[in-house]
N, C-alpha and C. Protein backbone atom coordinates (compact mmCIF):
# COMPACT_ATOMS: atom_id res chain seq x y z
N MET A 1 2.03 43.90 30.68
CA MET A 1 2.11 42.61 30.02
C MET A 1 0.68 42.14 29.72
N LYS A 2 0.48 41.68 28.49
CA LYS A 2 -0.84 41.21 28.09
C LYS A 2 -1.11 39.81 28.61
N LYS A 3 -2.36 39.59 28.93
CA LYS A 3 -2.78 38.29 29.43
C LYS A 3 -3.63 37.61 28.35
N GLN A 4 -3.12 36.50 27.83
CA GLN A 4 -3.84 35.72 26.84
C GLN A 4 -4.45 34.52 27.55
N THR A 5 -5.69 34.23 27.19
CA THR A 5 -6.36 33.12 27.83
C THR A 5 -6.94 32.18 26.78
N GLY A 6 -6.59 30.92 26.93
CA GLY A 6 -7.20 29.87 26.14
C GLY A 6 -8.19 29.15 27.04
N LEU A 7 -9.35 28.85 26.52
CA LEU A 7 -10.39 28.20 27.32
C LEU A 7 -10.93 27.01 26.55
N TRP A 8 -10.83 25.83 27.16
CA TRP A 8 -11.47 24.63 26.62
C TRP A 8 -12.69 24.39 27.50
N ILE A 9 -13.88 24.28 26.88
CA ILE A 9 -15.10 24.19 27.68
C ILE A 9 -16.07 23.17 27.11
N ASP A 10 -16.72 22.46 28.01
CA ASP A 10 -17.89 21.66 27.68
C ASP A 10 -18.88 21.85 28.82
N HIS A 11 -19.98 21.13 28.84
CA HIS A 11 -20.99 21.35 29.87
C HIS A 11 -20.56 20.84 31.25
N LYS A 12 -19.50 20.04 31.33
CA LYS A 12 -19.06 19.51 32.61
C LYS A 12 -18.01 20.37 33.28
N GLU A 13 -17.12 20.99 32.47
CA GLU A 13 -16.02 21.74 33.05
C GLU A 13 -15.45 22.75 32.07
N ALA A 14 -14.67 23.65 32.62
CA ALA A 14 -13.92 24.63 31.84
C ALA A 14 -12.47 24.53 32.28
N LEU A 15 -11.56 24.51 31.32
CA LEU A 15 -10.14 24.48 31.64
C LEU A 15 -9.52 25.74 31.04
N PHE A 16 -9.04 26.61 31.93
CA PHE A 16 -8.42 27.87 31.51
C PHE A 16 -6.92 27.68 31.42
N VAL A 17 -6.31 28.28 30.40
CA VAL A 17 -4.86 28.35 30.31
C VAL A 17 -4.53 29.85 30.18
N PHE A 18 -4.01 30.40 31.26
CA PHE A 18 -3.65 31.82 31.30
C PHE A 18 -2.18 31.96 30.93
N ILE A 19 -1.88 32.75 29.90
CA ILE A 19 -0.50 32.95 29.47
C ILE A 19 -0.14 34.42 29.66
N GLU A 20 0.91 34.63 30.46
CA GLU A 20 1.45 35.97 30.66
C GLU A 20 2.95 35.87 30.47
N GLY A 21 3.45 36.50 29.41
CA GLY A 21 4.87 36.38 29.08
C GLY A 21 5.19 34.95 28.71
N GLU A 22 6.13 34.36 29.42
CA GLU A 22 6.54 32.99 29.15
C GLU A 22 5.88 31.97 30.07
N SER A 23 5.13 32.45 31.05
CA SER A 23 4.54 31.52 32.00
C SER A 23 3.09 31.19 31.62
N ALA A 24 2.70 29.96 31.93
CA ALA A 24 1.34 29.50 31.69
C ALA A 24 0.79 28.92 33.00
N ARG A 25 -0.42 29.32 33.33
CA ARG A 25 -1.08 28.83 34.53
C ARG A 25 -2.39 28.18 34.12
N VAL A 26 -2.68 27.01 34.70
CA VAL A 26 -3.89 26.27 34.36
C VAL A 26 -4.85 26.31 35.53
N HIS A 27 -6.12 26.51 35.22
CA HIS A 27 -7.17 26.53 36.24
C HIS A 27 -8.37 25.76 35.72
N ARG A 28 -8.92 24.86 36.53
CA ARG A 28 -10.07 24.05 36.15
C ARG A 28 -11.28 24.50 36.96
N LEU A 29 -12.43 24.59 36.29
CA LEU A 29 -13.67 24.97 36.95
C LEU A 29 -14.75 23.96 36.56
N GLU A 30 -15.29 23.29 37.57
CA GLU A 30 -16.36 22.30 37.33
C GLU A 30 -17.70 23.02 37.24
N SER A 31 -18.58 22.54 36.36
CA SER A 31 -19.88 23.19 36.21
C SER A 31 -20.85 22.81 37.31
N GLY A 32 -20.77 21.58 37.79
CA GLY A 32 -21.71 21.12 38.80
C GLY A 32 -23.10 20.86 38.26
N ALA A 33 -23.28 20.96 36.95
CA ALA A 33 -24.59 20.73 36.34
C ALA A 33 -24.92 19.24 36.34
N GLU A 34 -26.20 18.97 36.51
CA GLU A 34 -26.66 17.59 36.51
C GLU A 34 -26.52 17.01 35.11
N SER A 35 -26.36 15.70 35.04
CA SER A 35 -26.33 15.06 33.72
C SER A 35 -27.76 14.99 33.20
N HIS A 36 -27.90 14.60 31.94
CA HIS A 36 -29.22 14.56 31.32
C HIS A 36 -30.16 13.61 32.06
N PHE A 37 -31.41 13.96 32.06
CA PHE A 37 -32.45 13.21 32.77
C PHE A 37 -32.59 11.82 32.18
N ARG A 38 -32.55 10.82 33.04
CA ARG A 38 -32.76 9.44 32.62
C ARG A 38 -33.75 8.81 33.59
N PRO A 39 -34.99 8.66 33.15
CA PRO A 39 -35.96 8.07 34.06
C PRO A 39 -35.59 6.63 34.40
N SER A 40 -35.82 6.25 35.65
CA SER A 40 -35.50 4.89 36.06
C SER A 40 -36.65 3.97 35.70
N GLY A 41 -36.34 2.71 35.55
CA GLY A 41 -37.37 1.72 35.24
C GLY A 41 -37.72 1.73 33.77
N GLY A 42 -38.65 0.90 33.43
CA GLY A 42 -39.08 0.77 32.04
C GLY A 42 -40.27 1.67 31.75
N TRP A 43 -40.96 1.35 30.68
CA TRP A 43 -42.11 2.13 30.26
C TRP A 43 -43.19 2.06 31.32
N LYS A 44 -43.65 3.20 31.76
CA LYS A 44 -44.67 3.32 32.80
C LYS A 44 -44.28 2.61 34.09
N ALA A 45 -43.01 2.60 34.39
CA ALA A 45 -42.54 1.94 35.62
C ALA A 45 -43.12 2.64 36.84
N GLY A 46 -43.54 1.85 37.78
CA GLY A 46 -44.05 2.39 39.03
C GLY A 46 -45.31 3.22 38.87
N GLY A 47 -46.06 2.99 37.80
CA GLY A 47 -47.30 3.71 37.59
C GLY A 47 -47.11 5.10 37.02
N THR A 48 -45.89 5.48 36.66
CA THR A 48 -45.62 6.79 36.09
C THR A 48 -46.11 6.83 34.65
N SER A 49 -46.89 7.82 34.30
CA SER A 49 -47.37 7.92 32.93
C SER A 49 -46.30 8.53 32.05
N VAL A 50 -46.45 8.34 30.76
CA VAL A 50 -45.49 8.89 29.81
C VAL A 50 -45.50 10.41 29.89
N ALA A 51 -46.67 11.00 30.03
CA ALA A 51 -46.76 12.46 30.11
C ALA A 51 -46.01 12.99 31.32
N GLN A 52 -46.09 12.27 32.44
CA GLN A 52 -45.37 12.70 33.64
C GLN A 52 -43.86 12.61 33.42
N SER A 53 -43.39 11.58 32.70
CA SER A 53 -41.97 11.45 32.39
C SER A 53 -41.49 12.60 31.54
N VAL A 54 -42.30 12.99 30.55
CA VAL A 54 -41.95 14.11 29.68
C VAL A 54 -41.88 15.39 30.51
N SER A 55 -42.85 15.58 31.41
CA SER A 55 -42.87 16.76 32.27
C SER A 55 -41.63 16.80 33.16
N ASN A 56 -41.26 15.64 33.73
CA ASN A 56 -40.06 15.58 34.57
C ASN A 56 -38.82 15.91 33.77
N GLU A 57 -38.77 15.45 32.53
CA GLU A 57 -37.61 15.72 31.68
C GLU A 57 -37.52 17.21 31.35
N GLN A 58 -38.67 17.84 31.08
CA GLN A 58 -38.67 19.27 30.79
C GLN A 58 -38.23 20.07 32.01
N THR A 59 -38.67 19.67 33.18
CA THR A 59 -38.25 20.34 34.41
C THR A 59 -36.74 20.18 34.62
N ALA A 60 -36.23 19.00 34.36
CA ALA A 60 -34.78 18.77 34.49
C ALA A 60 -34.01 19.60 33.47
N ASP A 61 -34.52 19.70 32.24
CA ASP A 61 -33.87 20.52 31.22
C ASP A 61 -33.81 21.98 31.64
N GLU A 62 -34.90 22.48 32.19
CA GLU A 62 -34.96 23.87 32.64
C GLU A 62 -33.97 24.10 33.78
N SER A 63 -33.91 23.17 34.70
CA SER A 63 -32.96 23.25 35.82
C SER A 63 -31.52 23.26 35.30
N ARG A 64 -31.23 22.40 34.34
CA ARG A 64 -29.89 22.32 33.76
C ARG A 64 -29.52 23.64 33.06
N LYS A 65 -30.47 24.26 32.37
CA LYS A 65 -30.21 25.55 31.71
C LYS A 65 -29.79 26.60 32.73
N HIS A 66 -30.46 26.62 33.87
CA HIS A 66 -30.10 27.58 34.92
C HIS A 66 -28.71 27.27 35.49
N GLN A 67 -28.39 25.99 35.63
CA GLN A 67 -27.07 25.60 36.12
C GLN A 67 -25.98 26.01 35.12
N TYR A 68 -26.24 25.82 33.83
CA TYR A 68 -25.28 26.23 32.80
C TYR A 68 -25.09 27.75 32.82
N HIS A 69 -26.19 28.48 32.97
CA HIS A 69 -26.10 29.95 33.00
C HIS A 69 -25.22 30.40 34.17
N ALA A 70 -25.40 29.81 35.34
CA ALA A 70 -24.58 30.15 36.50
C ALA A 70 -23.11 29.79 36.25
N PHE A 71 -22.89 28.64 35.60
CA PHE A 71 -21.54 28.20 35.25
C PHE A 71 -20.88 29.21 34.30
N TYR A 72 -21.60 29.65 33.27
CA TYR A 72 -21.05 30.60 32.31
C TYR A 72 -20.73 31.93 32.97
N LYS A 73 -21.53 32.35 33.95
CA LYS A 73 -21.23 33.60 34.67
C LYS A 73 -19.91 33.48 35.43
N LYS A 74 -19.66 32.31 36.02
CA LYS A 74 -18.39 32.09 36.72
C LYS A 74 -17.22 32.11 35.73
N VAL A 75 -17.42 31.49 34.57
CA VAL A 75 -16.37 31.46 33.54
C VAL A 75 -16.07 32.89 33.08
N ILE A 76 -17.11 33.68 32.84
CA ILE A 76 -16.93 35.07 32.39
C ILE A 76 -16.17 35.87 33.44
N ALA A 77 -16.46 35.64 34.71
CA ALA A 77 -15.74 36.34 35.78
C ALA A 77 -14.25 36.01 35.74
N GLU A 78 -13.91 34.75 35.44
CA GLU A 78 -12.50 34.34 35.34
C GLU A 78 -11.81 35.01 34.15
N LEU A 79 -12.57 35.30 33.09
CA LEU A 79 -12.00 35.88 31.87
C LEU A 79 -11.90 37.40 31.90
N ALA A 80 -12.44 38.02 32.91
CA ALA A 80 -12.60 39.48 32.95
C ALA A 80 -11.32 40.27 32.70
N ASP A 81 -10.17 39.80 33.19
CA ASP A 81 -8.94 40.59 33.02
C ASP A 81 -8.07 40.09 31.87
N SER A 82 -8.62 39.28 30.99
CA SER A 82 -7.86 38.78 29.84
C SER A 82 -7.90 39.78 28.69
N ASP A 83 -6.78 39.90 27.99
CA ASP A 83 -6.68 40.81 26.85
C ASP A 83 -7.08 40.13 25.54
N ALA A 84 -6.83 38.82 25.46
CA ALA A 84 -7.18 38.04 24.27
C ALA A 84 -7.68 36.68 24.75
N ILE A 85 -8.80 36.24 24.17
CA ILE A 85 -9.42 34.99 24.60
C ILE A 85 -9.68 34.10 23.40
N ALA A 86 -9.21 32.86 23.50
CA ALA A 86 -9.48 31.85 22.47
C ALA A 86 -10.30 30.75 23.14
N ILE A 87 -11.47 30.45 22.56
CA ILE A 87 -12.37 29.47 23.16
C ILE A 87 -12.44 28.23 22.27
N PHE A 88 -12.24 27.07 22.88
CA PHE A 88 -12.27 25.79 22.19
C PHE A 88 -13.22 24.85 22.92
N GLY A 89 -13.72 23.85 22.22
CA GLY A 89 -14.54 22.85 22.89
C GLY A 89 -15.26 21.95 21.92
N PRO A 90 -15.74 20.79 22.41
CA PRO A 90 -16.33 19.80 21.53
C PRO A 90 -17.81 19.99 21.21
N GLY A 91 -18.56 20.68 22.03
CA GLY A 91 -20.01 20.71 21.84
C GLY A 91 -20.57 22.11 21.75
N GLU A 92 -21.78 22.26 22.26
CA GLU A 92 -22.50 23.52 22.20
C GLU A 92 -22.09 24.52 23.28
N ALA A 93 -21.39 24.07 24.31
CA ALA A 93 -21.07 24.95 25.44
C ALA A 93 -20.29 26.18 25.00
N LYS A 94 -19.37 26.03 24.05
CA LYS A 94 -18.57 27.19 23.62
C LYS A 94 -19.45 28.24 22.93
N ILE A 95 -20.47 27.79 22.19
CA ILE A 95 -21.38 28.70 21.51
C ILE A 95 -22.30 29.38 22.52
N GLU A 96 -22.79 28.59 23.48
CA GLU A 96 -23.64 29.15 24.53
C GLU A 96 -22.86 30.18 25.36
N LEU A 97 -21.60 29.87 25.66
CA LEU A 97 -20.76 30.81 26.41
C LEU A 97 -20.53 32.08 25.59
N SER A 98 -20.27 31.93 24.31
CA SER A 98 -20.06 33.09 23.45
C SER A 98 -21.28 34.00 23.45
N SER A 99 -22.45 33.42 23.44
CA SER A 99 -23.69 34.20 23.50
C SER A 99 -23.78 34.96 24.83
N GLU A 100 -23.43 34.29 25.93
CA GLU A 100 -23.44 34.95 27.24
C GLU A 100 -22.40 36.07 27.30
N ILE A 101 -21.23 35.85 26.70
CA ILE A 101 -20.19 36.88 26.66
C ILE A 101 -20.69 38.09 25.89
N GLY A 102 -21.43 37.84 24.80
CA GLY A 102 -21.99 38.93 24.01
C GLY A 102 -22.93 39.81 24.80
N LYS A 103 -23.60 39.24 25.78
CA LYS A 103 -24.53 40.00 26.63
C LYS A 103 -23.82 40.72 27.76
N SER A 104 -22.54 40.39 27.99
CA SER A 104 -21.85 40.87 29.19
C SER A 104 -21.10 42.19 29.01
N GLY A 105 -21.23 42.84 27.88
CA GLY A 105 -20.54 44.11 27.71
C GLY A 105 -19.42 44.03 26.70
N THR A 106 -18.25 44.56 27.06
CA THR A 106 -17.15 44.68 26.09
C THR A 106 -16.26 43.44 26.01
N LEU A 107 -16.49 42.45 26.84
CA LEU A 107 -15.63 41.27 26.84
C LEU A 107 -15.63 40.57 25.49
N HIS A 108 -16.75 40.62 24.76
CA HIS A 108 -16.83 39.93 23.47
C HIS A 108 -15.81 40.44 22.46
N GLU A 109 -15.37 41.68 22.62
CA GLU A 109 -14.37 42.25 21.71
C GLU A 109 -13.00 41.60 21.89
N ARG A 110 -12.79 40.95 23.03
CA ARG A 110 -11.49 40.32 23.30
C ARG A 110 -11.45 38.86 22.87
N VAL A 111 -12.59 38.31 22.43
CA VAL A 111 -12.61 36.92 21.95
C VAL A 111 -12.05 36.91 20.53
N VAL A 112 -10.90 36.25 20.38
CA VAL A 112 -10.21 36.22 19.08
C VAL A 112 -10.44 34.92 18.32
N ALA A 113 -10.99 33.91 18.98
CA ALA A 113 -11.26 32.63 18.30
C ALA A 113 -12.36 31.88 19.03
N LEU A 114 -13.17 31.18 18.25
CA LEU A 114 -14.21 30.29 18.76
C LEU A 114 -14.16 29.08 17.83
N GLU A 115 -13.47 28.03 18.29
CA GLU A 115 -13.18 26.91 17.41
C GLU A 115 -13.60 25.57 18.01
N PRO A 116 -14.05 24.65 17.14
CA PRO A 116 -14.35 23.30 17.63
C PRO A 116 -13.07 22.56 17.99
N SER A 117 -13.17 21.67 18.95
CA SER A 117 -12.02 20.89 19.38
C SER A 117 -12.51 19.59 19.98
N ASP A 118 -11.76 18.53 19.76
CA ASP A 118 -12.08 17.26 20.38
C ASP A 118 -11.78 17.33 21.87
N ARG A 119 -12.14 16.28 22.57
CA ARG A 119 -11.75 16.17 23.98
C ARG A 119 -10.24 16.00 24.02
N LEU A 120 -9.60 16.75 24.89
CA LEU A 120 -8.14 16.73 24.98
C LEU A 120 -7.72 16.57 26.43
N THR A 121 -6.49 16.08 26.61
CA THR A 121 -5.92 16.02 27.94
C THR A 121 -5.50 17.44 28.33
N GLN A 122 -5.22 17.65 29.61
CA GLN A 122 -4.80 18.97 30.06
C GLN A 122 -3.53 19.42 29.33
N ASN A 123 -2.56 18.52 29.17
CA ASN A 123 -1.32 18.88 28.49
C ASN A 123 -1.57 19.24 27.03
N GLN A 124 -2.49 18.53 26.38
CA GLN A 124 -2.82 18.83 24.98
C GLN A 124 -3.50 20.20 24.88
N ILE A 125 -4.33 20.53 25.86
CA ILE A 125 -4.99 21.83 25.83
C ILE A 125 -3.98 22.95 26.01
N VAL A 126 -3.05 22.79 26.95
CA VAL A 126 -2.01 23.80 27.16
C VAL A 126 -1.19 23.98 25.88
N ALA A 127 -0.81 22.88 25.25
CA ALA A 127 -0.04 22.95 24.01
C ALA A 127 -0.84 23.63 22.90
N LYS A 128 -2.12 23.33 22.81
CA LYS A 128 -2.98 23.94 21.78
C LYS A 128 -3.08 25.45 21.97
N VAL A 129 -3.25 25.88 23.21
CA VAL A 129 -3.37 27.31 23.49
C VAL A 129 -2.06 28.03 23.19
N LYS A 130 -0.94 27.48 23.64
CA LYS A 130 0.36 28.09 23.36
C LYS A 130 0.60 28.18 21.86
N SER A 131 0.29 27.11 21.16
CA SER A 131 0.46 27.06 19.71
C SER A 131 -0.44 28.10 19.02
N PHE A 132 -1.68 28.20 19.47
CA PHE A 132 -2.61 29.15 18.87
C PHE A 132 -2.07 30.57 18.96
N PHE A 133 -1.66 30.99 20.15
CA PHE A 133 -1.19 32.35 20.31
C PHE A 133 0.17 32.59 19.66
N ALA A 134 0.98 31.55 19.52
CA ALA A 134 2.25 31.68 18.81
C ALA A 134 2.01 31.84 17.31
N GLU A 135 1.00 31.16 16.77
CA GLU A 135 0.69 31.22 15.33
C GLU A 135 -0.09 32.47 14.96
N HIS A 136 -0.73 33.09 15.91
CA HIS A 136 -1.55 34.26 15.65
C HIS A 136 -1.06 35.46 16.46
N PRO A 137 0.16 35.93 16.17
CA PRO A 137 0.74 36.99 17.00
C PRO A 137 -0.07 38.30 16.98
N ARG A 138 -0.77 38.57 15.90
CA ARG A 138 -1.55 39.81 15.84
C ARG A 138 -2.77 39.75 16.77
N ARG A 139 -3.10 38.55 17.23
CA ARG A 139 -4.23 38.39 18.14
C ARG A 139 -3.79 38.53 19.58
N LYS A 140 -2.56 38.87 19.79
CA LYS A 140 -2.04 39.07 21.14
C LYS A 140 -2.49 40.41 21.60
């Protein structure tokens, strides 16, 4: 039996919908990545120079990139036994994940869709994935 997987992803979480036959199983994975850097206080608050704020922001950005990379590795591990993968999401995370999948070997051959999607509820995501694979039977 083939395993079809729909994945809705952003930088905060990934929601997997695994479809095997008539059954669908949902799994959520949190990224644990920090939110974007927001310095506290106003301009030069607490004697902090602007250059130091920029440096802190760059350090936070670099840290976040490493957290995203670790998150994408976990997502790829979850997708390893899928026969067909459809990836949806609102931002850049789906594209970044696709790039990581491309580096991971043969898994990229199983990605049948990479599409933009608004933020959806869990039930809407499950319905979208079921609908996608029902409308695209050759991608099974």
